[in-house]
Full PDB file with SEQRES, HELIX, SHEET, SSBOND, CRYST1, ORIGX, SCALE, CONECT and MASTER records, all heavy atoms in Angstrom:
SEQRES   1 A   37  VAL ILE SER ASN GLY LYS VAL SER MET ASP PHE ALA ASP          
SEQRES   2 A   37  CYS ARG ASP GLN ILE CYS VAL ASN HIS LYS GLU ILE SER          
SEQRES   3 A   37  LYS THR ASN GLU SER ILE ILE CYS LEU PRO ASN                  
CRYST1    1.000    1.000    1.000  90.00  90.00  90.00 P 1           1          
ORIGX1      1.000000  0.000000  0.000000        0.00000                         
ORIGX2      0.000000  1.000000  0.000000        0.00000                         
ORIGX3      0.000000  0.000000  1.000000        0.00000                         
SCALE1      1.000000  0.000000  0.000000        0.00000                         
SCALE2      0.000000  1.000000  0.000000        0.00000                         
SCALE3      0.000000  0.000000  1.000000        0.00000                         
ATOM      1  N   VAL A   1       0.776  -1.116  -0.015  1.00  0.00           N  
ATOM      2  CA  VAL A   1       0.064   0.048  -0.038  1.00  0.00           C  
ATOM      3  C   VAL A   1       0.887   1.295   0.036  1.00  0.00           C  
ATOM      4  O   VAL A   1       1.814   1.402   0.797  1.00  0.00           O  
ATOM      5  CB  VAL A   1      -0.967  -0.028   1.182  1.00  0.00           C  
ATOM      6  CG1 VAL A   1      -1.759   1.310   1.292  1.00  0.00           C  
ATOM      7  CG2 VAL A   1      -1.771  -1.218   1.219  1.00  0.00           C  
ATOM      8  N   ILE A   2       0.601   2.156  -0.835  1.00  0.00           N  
ATOM      9  CA  ILE A   2       1.337   3.432  -0.864  1.00  0.00           C  
ATOM     10  C   ILE A   2       0.257   4.508  -0.502  1.00  0.00           C  
ATOM     11  O   ILE A   2      -0.901   4.563  -1.160  1.00  0.00           O  
ATOM     12  CB  ILE A   2       1.706   3.642  -2.326  1.00  0.00           C  
ATOM     13  CG1 ILE A   2       2.826   2.764  -2.715  1.00  0.00           C  
ATOM     14  CG2 ILE A   2       2.381   5.161  -2.418  1.00  0.00           C  
ATOM     15  CD1 ILE A   2       3.382   2.969  -4.080  1.00  0.00           C  
ATOM     16  N   SER A   3       0.449   5.270   0.490  1.00  0.00           N  
ATOM     17  CA  SER A   3      -0.584   6.259   0.918  1.00  0.00           C  
ATOM     18  C   SER A   3       0.264   7.451   1.551  1.00  0.00           C  
ATOM     19  O   SER A   3       1.226   7.178   2.372  1.00  0.00           O  
ATOM     20  CB  SER A   3      -1.408   5.662   2.026  1.00  0.00           C  
ATOM     21  OG  SER A   3      -2.341   6.649   2.475  1.00  0.00           O  
ATOM     22  N   ASN A   4      -0.124   8.645   1.135  1.00  0.00           N  
ATOM     23  CA  ASN A   4       0.540   9.811   1.681  1.00  0.00           C  
ATOM     24  C   ASN A   4       2.129   9.817   1.564  1.00  0.00           C  
ATOM     25  O   ASN A   4       2.712  10.296   2.470  1.00  0.00           O  
ATOM     26  CB  ASN A   4       0.227   9.954   3.188  1.00  0.00           C  
ATOM     27  CG  ASN A   4      -1.332  10.209   3.435  1.00  0.00           C  
ATOM     28  OD1 ASN A   4      -2.061  10.790   2.555  1.00  0.00           O  
ATOM     29  ND2 ASN A   4      -1.912   9.677   4.476  1.00  0.00           N  
ATOM     30  N   GLY A   5       2.523   9.233   0.348  1.00  0.00           N  
ATOM     31  CA  GLY A   5       4.000   9.283   0.148  1.00  0.00           C  
ATOM     32  C   GLY A   5       4.677   8.235   0.956  1.00  0.00           C  
ATOM     33  O   GLY A   5       5.971   8.259   0.975  1.00  0.00           O  
ATOM     34  N   LYS A   6       4.090   7.345   1.584  1.00  0.00           N  
ATOM     35  CA  LYS A   6       4.824   6.187   2.374  1.00  0.00           C  
ATOM     36  C   LYS A   6       4.328   4.861   1.844  1.00  0.00           C  
ATOM     37  O   LYS A   6       3.184   4.663   1.430  1.00  0.00           O  
ATOM     38  CB  LYS A   6       4.540   6.354   3.850  1.00  0.00           C  
ATOM     39  CG  LYS A   6       5.102   7.676   4.399  1.00  0.00           C  
ATOM     40  CD  LYS A   6       4.895   7.755   5.913  1.00  0.00           C  
ATOM     41  CE  LYS A   6       5.534   9.221   6.356  1.00  0.00           C  
ATOM     42  NZ  LYS A   6       5.524   9.198   7.803  1.00  0.00           N  
ATOM     43  N   VAL A   7       5.210   3.827   1.985  1.00  0.00           N  
ATOM     44  CA  VAL A   7       4.975   2.554   1.556  1.00  0.00           C  
ATOM     45  C   VAL A   7       4.885   1.537   2.749  1.00  0.00           C  
ATOM     46  O   VAL A   7       5.659   1.660   3.662  1.00  0.00           O  
ATOM     47  CB  VAL A   7       5.978   2.123   0.594  1.00  0.00           C  
ATOM     48  CG1 VAL A   7       5.762   0.633   0.046  1.00  0.00           C  
ATOM     49  CG2 VAL A   7       6.207   2.991  -0.540  1.00  0.00           C  
ATOM     50  N   SER A   8       3.848   0.732   2.703  1.00  0.00           N  
ATOM     51  CA  SER A   8       3.802  -0.314   3.705  1.00  0.00           C  
ATOM     52  C   SER A   8       3.391  -1.611   3.165  1.00  0.00           C  
ATOM     53  O   SER A   8       2.832  -1.674   2.082  1.00  0.00           O  
ATOM     54  CB  SER A   8       2.748   0.106   4.878  1.00  0.00           C  
ATOM     55  OG  SER A   8       1.624   0.185   4.372  1.00  0.00           O  
ATOM     56  N   MET A   9       3.619  -2.759   3.868  1.00  0.00           N  
ATOM     57  CA  MET A   9       3.145  -4.058   3.418  1.00  0.00           C  
ATOM     58  C   MET A   9       1.950  -4.354   4.301  1.00  0.00           C  
ATOM     59  O   MET A   9       2.007  -4.494   5.533  1.00  0.00           O  
ATOM     60  CB  MET A   9       4.268  -5.075   3.730  1.00  0.00           C  
ATOM     61  CG  MET A   9       3.888  -6.463   3.213  1.00  0.00           C  
ATOM     62  SD  MET A   9       4.365  -6.727   1.527  1.00  0.00           S  
ATOM     63  CE  MET A   9       6.052  -6.628   1.425  1.00  0.00           C  
ATOM     64  N   ASP A  10       0.680  -4.287   3.642  1.00  0.00           N  
ATOM     65  CA  ASP A  10      -0.574  -4.373   4.354  1.00  0.00           C  
ATOM     66  C   ASP A  10      -0.883  -5.974   4.672  1.00  0.00           C  
ATOM     67  O   ASP A  10      -1.615  -6.173   5.450  1.00  0.00           O  
ATOM     68  CB  ASP A  10      -1.600  -3.773   3.516  1.00  0.00           C  
ATOM     69  CG  ASP A  10      -2.800  -3.500   4.313  1.00  0.00           C  
ATOM     70  OD1 ASP A  10      -2.777  -2.981   5.377  1.00  0.00           O  
ATOM     71  OD2 ASP A  10      -3.899  -3.871   3.739  1.00  0.00           O  
ATOM     72  N   PHE A  11      -0.397  -6.805   3.741  1.00  0.00           N  
ATOM     73  CA  PHE A  11      -0.847  -8.206   3.888  1.00  0.00           C  
ATOM     74  C   PHE A  11       0.337  -9.013   3.378  1.00  0.00           C  
ATOM     75  O   PHE A  11       0.917  -8.752   2.347  1.00  0.00           O  
ATOM     76  CB  PHE A  11      -2.101  -8.503   3.087  1.00  0.00           C  
ATOM     77  CG  PHE A  11      -2.404  -9.986   2.963  1.00  0.00           C  
ATOM     78  CD1 PHE A  11      -2.947 -10.633   4.036  1.00  0.00           C  
ATOM     79  CD2 PHE A  11      -2.066 -10.686   1.835  1.00  0.00           C  
ATOM     80  CE1 PHE A  11      -3.189 -11.939   3.942  1.00  0.00           C  
ATOM     81  CE2 PHE A  11      -2.413 -12.001   1.749  1.00  0.00           C  
ATOM     82  CZ  PHE A  11      -3.046 -12.720   2.745  1.00  0.00           C  
ATOM     83  N   ALA A  12       0.578 -10.068   4.064  1.00  0.00           N  
ATOM     84  CA  ALA A  12       1.470 -11.153   3.679  1.00  0.00           C  
ATOM     85  C   ALA A  12       0.976 -12.601   4.088  1.00  0.00           C  
ATOM     86  O   ALA A  12       0.424 -12.680   5.192  1.00  0.00           O  
ATOM     87  CB  ALA A  12       2.839 -10.847   4.032  1.00  0.00           C  
ATOM     88  N   ASP A  13       0.964 -13.573   3.253  1.00  0.00           N  
ATOM     89  CA  ASP A  13       0.563 -14.828   3.624  1.00  0.00           C  
ATOM     90  C   ASP A  13       1.486 -15.682   4.499  1.00  0.00           C  
ATOM     91  O   ASP A  13       1.340 -16.804   4.720  1.00  0.00           O  
ATOM     92  CB  ASP A  13      -0.065 -15.626   2.439  1.00  0.00           C  
ATOM     93  CG  ASP A  13       0.933 -16.008   1.518  1.00  0.00           C  
ATOM     94  OD1 ASP A  13       2.062 -15.589   1.704  1.00  0.00           O  
ATOM     95  OD2 ASP A  13       0.571 -16.590   0.571  1.00  0.00           O  
ATOM     96  N   CYS A  14       2.718 -15.042   4.875  1.00  0.00           N  
ATOM     97  CA  CYS A  14       3.731 -15.781   5.646  1.00  0.00           C  
ATOM     98  C   CYS A  14       3.398 -15.795   7.079  1.00  0.00           C  
ATOM     99  O   CYS A  14       2.549 -15.191   7.527  1.00  0.00           O  
ATOM    100  CB  CYS A  14       5.052 -15.113   5.351  1.00  0.00           C  
ATOM    101  SG  CYS A  14       5.158 -13.386   5.699  1.00  0.00           S  
ATOM    102  N   ARG A  15       4.056 -16.768   7.756  1.00  0.00           N  
ATOM    103  CA  ARG A  15       3.681 -16.945   9.190  1.00  0.00           C  
ATOM    104  C   ARG A  15       4.238 -15.818  10.065  1.00  0.00           C  
ATOM    105  O   ARG A  15       3.550 -15.430  11.032  1.00  0.00           O  
ATOM    106  CB  ARG A  15       4.292 -18.361   9.648  1.00  0.00           C  
ATOM    107  CG  ARG A  15       3.595 -19.486   9.302  1.00  0.00           C  
ATOM    108  CD  ARG A  15       4.045 -20.793   9.833  1.00  0.00           C  
ATOM    109  NE  ARG A  15       5.518 -20.966   9.504  1.00  0.00           N  
ATOM    110  CZ  ARG A  15       6.335 -21.677  10.288  1.00  0.00           C  
ATOM    111  NH1 ARG A  15       5.977 -22.361  11.231  1.00  0.00           N  
ATOM    112  NH2 ARG A  15       7.538 -21.777   9.696  1.00  0.00           N  
ATOM    113  N   ASP A  16       5.426 -15.506   9.796  1.00  0.00           N  
ATOM    114  CA  ASP A  16       6.096 -14.500  10.738  1.00  0.00           C  
ATOM    115  C   ASP A  16       5.532 -13.190  10.800  1.00  0.00           C  
ATOM    116  O   ASP A  16       5.615 -12.397  11.816  1.00  0.00           O  
ATOM    117  CB  ASP A  16       7.650 -14.589  10.634  1.00  0.00           C  
ATOM    118  CG  ASP A  16       7.997 -14.094   9.295  1.00  0.00           C  
ATOM    119  OD1 ASP A  16       7.144 -13.657   8.452  1.00  0.00           O  
ATOM    120  OD2 ASP A  16       9.249 -14.482   8.903  1.00  0.00           O  
ATOM    121  N   GLN A  17       5.138 -12.612   9.681  1.00  0.00           N  
ATOM    122  CA  GLN A  17       4.387 -11.333   9.557  1.00  0.00           C  
ATOM    123  C   GLN A  17       5.386 -10.199   9.914  1.00  0.00           C  
ATOM    124  O   GLN A  17       4.962  -9.029  10.310  1.00  0.00           O  
ATOM    125  CB  GLN A  17       3.162 -11.274  10.433  1.00  0.00           C  
ATOM    126  CG  GLN A  17       2.083 -12.235  10.006  1.00  0.00           C  
ATOM    127  CD  GLN A  17       1.438 -11.792   8.784  1.00  0.00           C  
ATOM    128  OE1 GLN A  17       0.911 -10.826   8.564  1.00  0.00           O  
ATOM    129  NE2 GLN A  17       1.620 -12.621   7.681  1.00  0.00           N  
ATOM    130  N   ILE A  18       6.731 -10.365   9.790  1.00  0.00           N  
ATOM    131  CA  ILE A  18       7.657  -9.256  10.036  1.00  0.00           C  
ATOM    132  C   ILE A  18       7.455  -8.096   9.097  1.00  0.00           C  
ATOM    133  O   ILE A  18       7.592  -7.016   9.474  1.00  0.00           O  
ATOM    134  CB  ILE A  18       9.194  -9.890  10.003  1.00  0.00           C  
ATOM    135  CG1 ILE A  18       9.376 -10.776  11.296  1.00  0.00           C  
ATOM    136  CG2 ILE A  18      10.087  -8.717  10.083  1.00  0.00           C  
ATOM    137  CD1 ILE A  18      10.452 -11.582  11.156  1.00  0.00           C  
ATOM    138  N   CYS A  19       7.239  -8.401   7.789  1.00  0.00           N  
ATOM    139  CA  CYS A  19       7.115  -7.330   6.830  1.00  0.00           C  
ATOM    140  C   CYS A  19       5.917  -6.634   7.070  1.00  0.00           C  
ATOM    141  O   CYS A  19       5.766  -5.460   6.873  1.00  0.00           O  
ATOM    142  CB  CYS A  19       7.151  -7.994   5.343  1.00  0.00           C  
ATOM    143  SG  CYS A  19       5.949  -9.350   5.187  1.00  0.00           S  
ATOM    144  N   VAL A  20       4.793  -7.342   7.576  1.00  0.00           N  
ATOM    145  CA  VAL A  20       3.517  -6.535   7.766  1.00  0.00           C  
ATOM    146  C   VAL A  20       3.606  -5.639   9.006  1.00  0.00           C  
ATOM    147  O   VAL A  20       3.132  -4.456   9.093  1.00  0.00           O  
ATOM    148  CB  VAL A  20       2.374  -7.527   7.977  1.00  0.00           C  
ATOM    149  CG1 VAL A  20       1.051  -6.871   8.345  1.00  0.00           C  
ATOM    150  CG2 VAL A  20       2.237  -8.313   6.784  1.00  0.00           C  
ATOM    151  N   ASN A  21       4.456  -6.017   9.952  1.00  0.00           N  
ATOM    152  CA  ASN A  21       4.633  -5.209  11.165  1.00  0.00           C  
ATOM    153  C   ASN A  21       5.816  -4.182  11.054  1.00  0.00           C  
ATOM    154  O   ASN A  21       5.986  -3.317  11.880  1.00  0.00           O  
ATOM    155  CB  ASN A  21       5.117  -6.134  12.377  1.00  0.00           C  
ATOM    156  CG  ASN A  21       3.853  -7.017  12.741  1.00  0.00           C  
ATOM    157  OD1 ASN A  21       2.687  -6.676  12.601  1.00  0.00           O  
ATOM    158  ND2 ASN A  21       4.021  -8.297  13.051  1.00  0.00           N  
ATOM    159  N   HIS A  22       6.425  -4.146   9.963  1.00  0.00           N  
ATOM    160  CA  HIS A  22       7.408  -3.167   9.589  1.00  0.00           C  
ATOM    161  C   HIS A  22       6.907  -1.880   9.622  1.00  0.00           C  
ATOM    162  O   HIS A  22       5.815  -1.601   8.989  1.00  0.00           O  
ATOM    163  CB  HIS A  22       8.233  -3.578   8.339  1.00  0.00           C  
ATOM    164  CG  HIS A  22       9.614  -2.821   8.100  1.00  0.00           C  
ATOM    165  ND1 HIS A  22       9.560  -1.408   7.770  1.00  0.00           N  
ATOM    166  CD2 HIS A  22      10.713  -3.198   8.395  1.00  0.00           C  
ATOM    167  CE1 HIS A  22      10.944  -1.142   7.665  1.00  0.00           C  
ATOM    168  NE2 HIS A  22      11.591  -2.251   7.952  1.00  0.00           N  
ATOM    169  N   LYS A  23       7.578  -0.775   9.905  1.00  0.00           N  
ATOM    170  CA  LYS A  23       7.112   0.698   9.772  1.00  0.00           C  
ATOM    171  C   LYS A  23       6.965   1.084   8.393  1.00  0.00           C  
ATOM    172  O   LYS A  23       7.577   0.527   7.549  1.00  0.00           O  
ATOM    173  CB  LYS A  23       8.051   1.556  10.677  1.00  0.00           C  
ATOM    174  CG  LYS A  23       9.328   1.773   9.969  1.00  0.00           C  
ATOM    175  CD  LYS A  23      10.273   2.851  10.658  1.00  0.00           C  
ATOM    176  CE  LYS A  23      11.469   3.072  10.042  1.00  0.00           C  
ATOM    177  NZ  LYS A  23      11.352   3.952   8.877  1.00  0.00           N  
ATOM    178  N   GLU A  24       6.319   2.046   8.068  1.00  0.00           N  
ATOM    179  CA  GLU A  24       6.100   2.629   6.812  1.00  0.00           C  
ATOM    180  C   GLU A  24       7.494   3.154   6.372  1.00  0.00           C  
ATOM    181  O   GLU A  24       8.189   3.698   7.231  1.00  0.00           O  
ATOM    182  CB  GLU A  24       5.075   3.757   6.786  1.00  0.00           C  
ATOM    183  CG  GLU A  24       3.678   3.238   6.943  1.00  0.00           C  
ATOM    184  CD  GLU A  24       2.656   4.439   7.060  1.00  0.00           C  
ATOM    185  OE1 GLU A  24       2.998   5.470   7.484  1.00  0.00           O  
ATOM    186  OE2 GLU A  24       1.688   4.208   6.426  1.00  0.00           O  
ATOM    187  N   ILE A  25       7.783   3.213   5.012  1.00  0.00           N  
ATOM    188  CA  ILE A  25       9.043   3.804   4.574  1.00  0.00           C  
ATOM    189  C   ILE A  25       8.824   4.708   3.557  1.00  0.00           C  
ATOM    190  O   ILE A  25       7.786   4.693   2.718  1.00  0.00           O  
ATOM    191  CB  ILE A  25       9.997   2.491   4.015  1.00  0.00           C  
ATOM    192  CG1 ILE A  25       9.393   1.784   2.876  1.00  0.00           C  
ATOM    193  CG2 ILE A  25      10.335   1.596   5.102  1.00  0.00           C  
ATOM    194  CD1 ILE A  25      10.136   0.916   2.188  1.00  0.00           C  
ATOM    195  N   SER A  26       9.718   5.757   3.526  1.00  0.00           N  
ATOM    196  CA  SER A  26       9.644   6.787   2.627  1.00  0.00           C  
ATOM    197  C   SER A  26      10.917   7.387   2.105  1.00  0.00           C  
ATOM    198  O   SER A  26      11.054   8.199   1.228  1.00  0.00           O  
ATOM    199  CB  SER A  26       8.824   7.930   2.989  1.00  0.00           C  
ATOM    200  OG  SER A  26       9.235   8.599   4.166  1.00  0.00           O  
ATOM    201  N   LYS A  27      11.984   7.030   2.850  1.00  0.00           N  
ATOM    202  CA  LYS A  27      13.351   7.572   2.657  1.00  0.00           C  
ATOM    203  C   LYS A  27      14.072   6.657   1.649  1.00  0.00           C  
ATOM    204  O   LYS A  27      13.886   5.567   1.525  1.00  0.00           O  
ATOM    205  CB  LYS A  27      14.097   7.727   3.859  1.00  0.00           C  
ATOM    206  CG  LYS A  27      13.475   8.440   4.914  1.00  0.00           C  
ATOM    207  CD  LYS A  27      13.455   9.798   4.755  1.00  0.00           C  
ATOM    208  CE  LYS A  27      12.881  10.567   6.104  1.00  0.00           C  
ATOM    209  NZ  LYS A  27      12.611  12.014   5.732  1.00  0.00           N  
ATOM    210  N   THR A  28      14.951   7.228   0.814  1.00  0.00           N  
ATOM    211  CA  THR A  28      15.721   6.590  -0.160  1.00  0.00           C  
ATOM    212  C   THR A  28      16.564   5.501   0.519  1.00  0.00           C  
ATOM    213  O   THR A  28      17.092   5.603   1.519  1.00  0.00           O  
ATOM    214  CB  THR A  28      16.673   7.563  -0.827  1.00  0.00           C  
ATOM    215  OG1 THR A  28      16.011   8.701  -1.439  1.00  0.00           O  
ATOM    216  CG2 THR A  28      17.477   6.920  -1.896  1.00  0.00           C  
ATOM    217  N   ASN A  29      16.453   4.304  -0.150  1.00  0.00           N  
ATOM    218  CA  ASN A  29      17.092   3.052   0.218  1.00  0.00           C  
ATOM    219  C   ASN A  29      16.606   2.308   1.433  1.00  0.00           C  
ATOM    220  O   ASN A  29      17.154   1.327   1.874  1.00  0.00           O  
ATOM    221  CB  ASN A  29      18.662   3.250   0.385  1.00  0.00           C  
ATOM    222  CG  ASN A  29      19.324   3.727  -0.848  1.00  0.00           C  
ATOM    223  OD1 ASN A  29      19.015   3.349  -1.931  1.00  0.00           O  
ATOM    224  ND2 ASN A  29      20.347   4.605  -0.754  1.00  0.00           N  
ATOM    225  N   GLU A  30      15.467   2.669   1.941  1.00  0.00           N  
ATOM    226  CA  GLU A  30      14.809   1.958   2.999  1.00  0.00           C  
ATOM    227  C   GLU A  30      14.041   0.909   2.324  1.00  0.00           C  
ATOM    228  O   GLU A  30      13.545   0.928   1.160  1.00  0.00           O  
ATOM    229  CB  GLU A  30      13.704   2.832   3.785  1.00  0.00           C  
ATOM    230  CG  GLU A  30      14.344   3.799   4.584  1.00  0.00           C  
ATOM    231  CD  GLU A  30      13.279   4.574   5.432  1.00  0.00           C  
ATOM    232  OE1 GLU A  30      12.174   4.862   4.945  1.00  0.00           O  
ATOM    233  OE2 GLU A  30      13.498   4.907   6.575  1.00  0.00           O  
ATOM    234  N   SER A  31      13.885  -0.274   2.972  1.00  0.00           N  
ATOM    235  CA  SER A  31      13.213  -1.456   2.350  1.00  0.00           C  
ATOM    236  C   SER A  31      12.405  -2.145   3.236  1.00  0.00           C  
ATOM    237  O   SER A  31      12.550  -2.118   4.535  1.00  0.00           O  
ATOM    238  CB  SER A  31      14.419  -2.447   1.994  1.00  0.00           C  
ATOM    239  OG  SER A  31      15.311  -1.898   0.922  1.00  0.00           O  
ATOM    240  N   ILE A  32      11.438  -2.938   2.758  1.00  0.00           N  
ATOM    241  CA  ILE A  32      10.625  -3.768   3.489  1.00  0.00           C  
ATOM    242  C   ILE A  32      10.800  -5.189   2.721  1.00  0.00           C  
ATOM    243  O   ILE A  32      10.754  -5.258   1.503  1.00  0.00           O  
ATOM    244  CB  ILE A  32       9.120  -3.453   3.537  1.00  0.00           C  
ATOM    245  CG1 ILE A  32       8.981  -2.215   4.289  1.00  0.00           C  
ATOM    246  CG2 ILE A  32       8.377  -4.502   4.191  1.00  0.00           C  
ATOM    247  CD1 ILE A  32       7.410  -1.729   4.130  1.00  0.00           C  
ATOM    248  N   ILE A  33      11.116  -6.214   3.519  1.00  0.00           N  
ATOM    249  CA  ILE A  33      11.532  -7.487   2.903  1.00  0.00           C  
ATOM    250  C   ILE A  33      10.631  -8.607   3.455  1.00  0.00           C  
ATOM    251  O   ILE A  33      10.534  -8.789   4.627  1.00  0.00           O  
ATOM    252  CB  ILE A  33      13.070  -7.844   3.024  1.00  0.00           C  
ATOM    253  CG1 ILE A  33      13.772  -6.740   2.531  1.00  0.00           C  
ATOM    254  CG2 ILE A  33      13.408  -9.107   2.484  1.00  0.00           C  
ATOM    255  CD1 ILE A  33      15.369  -6.793   2.807  1.00  0.00           C  
ATOM    256  N   CYS A  34      10.029  -9.373   2.656  1.00  0.00           N  
ATOM    257  CA  CYS A  34       9.310 -10.587   2.933  1.00  0.00           C  
ATOM    258  C   CYS A  34      10.205 -11.754   2.467  1.00  0.00           C  
ATOM    259  O   CYS A  34      10.042 -12.141   1.222  1.00  0.00           O  
ATOM    260  CB  CYS A  34       7.991 -10.559   2.216  1.00  0.00           C  
ATOM    261  SG  CYS A  34       6.928 -12.024   2.884  1.00  0.00           S  
ATOM    262  N   LEU A  35      10.896 -12.401   3.430  1.00  0.00           N  
ATOM    263  CA  LEU A  35      11.756 -13.474   2.863  1.00  0.00           C  
ATOM    264  C   LEU A  35      11.023 -14.677   2.421  1.00  0.00           C  
ATOM    265  O   LEU A  35      11.413 -15.248   1.427  1.00  0.00           O  
ATOM    266  CB  LEU A  35      12.736 -13.866   4.101  1.00  0.00           C  
ATOM    267  CG  LEU A  35      13.912 -12.857   4.278  1.00  0.00           C  
ATOM    268  CD1 LEU A  35      14.781 -13.352   5.490  1.00  0.00           C  
ATOM    269  CD2 LEU A  35      14.778 -12.846   3.150  1.00  0.00           C  
ATOM    270  N   PRO A  36      10.070 -15.226   3.103  1.00  0.00           N  
ATOM    271  CA  PRO A  36       9.400 -16.348   2.615  1.00  0.00           C  
ATOM    272  C   PRO A  36       8.787 -16.187   1.271  1.00  0.00           C  
ATOM    273  O   PRO A  36       8.873 -17.168   0.372  1.00  0.00           O  
ATOM    274  CB  PRO A  36       8.210 -16.580   3.695  1.00  0.00           C  
ATOM    275  CG  PRO A  36       8.574 -15.904   4.813  1.00  0.00           C  
ATOM    276  CD  PRO A  36       9.394 -14.699   4.455  1.00  0.00           C  
ATOM    277  N   ASN A  37       8.327 -14.993   0.867  1.00  0.00           N  
ATOM    278  CA  ASN A  37       7.805 -14.856  -0.471  1.00  0.00           C  
ATOM    279  C   ASN A  37       8.643 -14.209  -1.377  1.00  0.00           C  
ATOM    280  O   ASN A  37       8.437 -14.005  -2.531  1.00  0.00           O  
ATOM    281  CB  ASN A  37       6.479 -13.932  -0.366  1.00  0.00           C  
ATOM    282  CG  ASN A  37       5.345 -14.690   0.269  1.00  0.00           C  
ATOM    283  OD1 ASN A  37       5.323 -15.785   0.319  1.00  0.00           O  
ATOM    284  ND2 ASN A  37       4.501 -13.885   0.995  1.00  0.00           N  
TER     285      ASN A  37                                                      
MASTER        0    0    0    0    0    0    0    6  284    1    0    3          
END                                                                             
């Protein structure tokens, strides 16, 4: 989901949900990673 200039992972079907619980990102070179997928 991209909203108000920030990116977040709203849903993932993996067990650990680390990517879903990650904070929104908007700065250059910040990342959200879902390893299982």
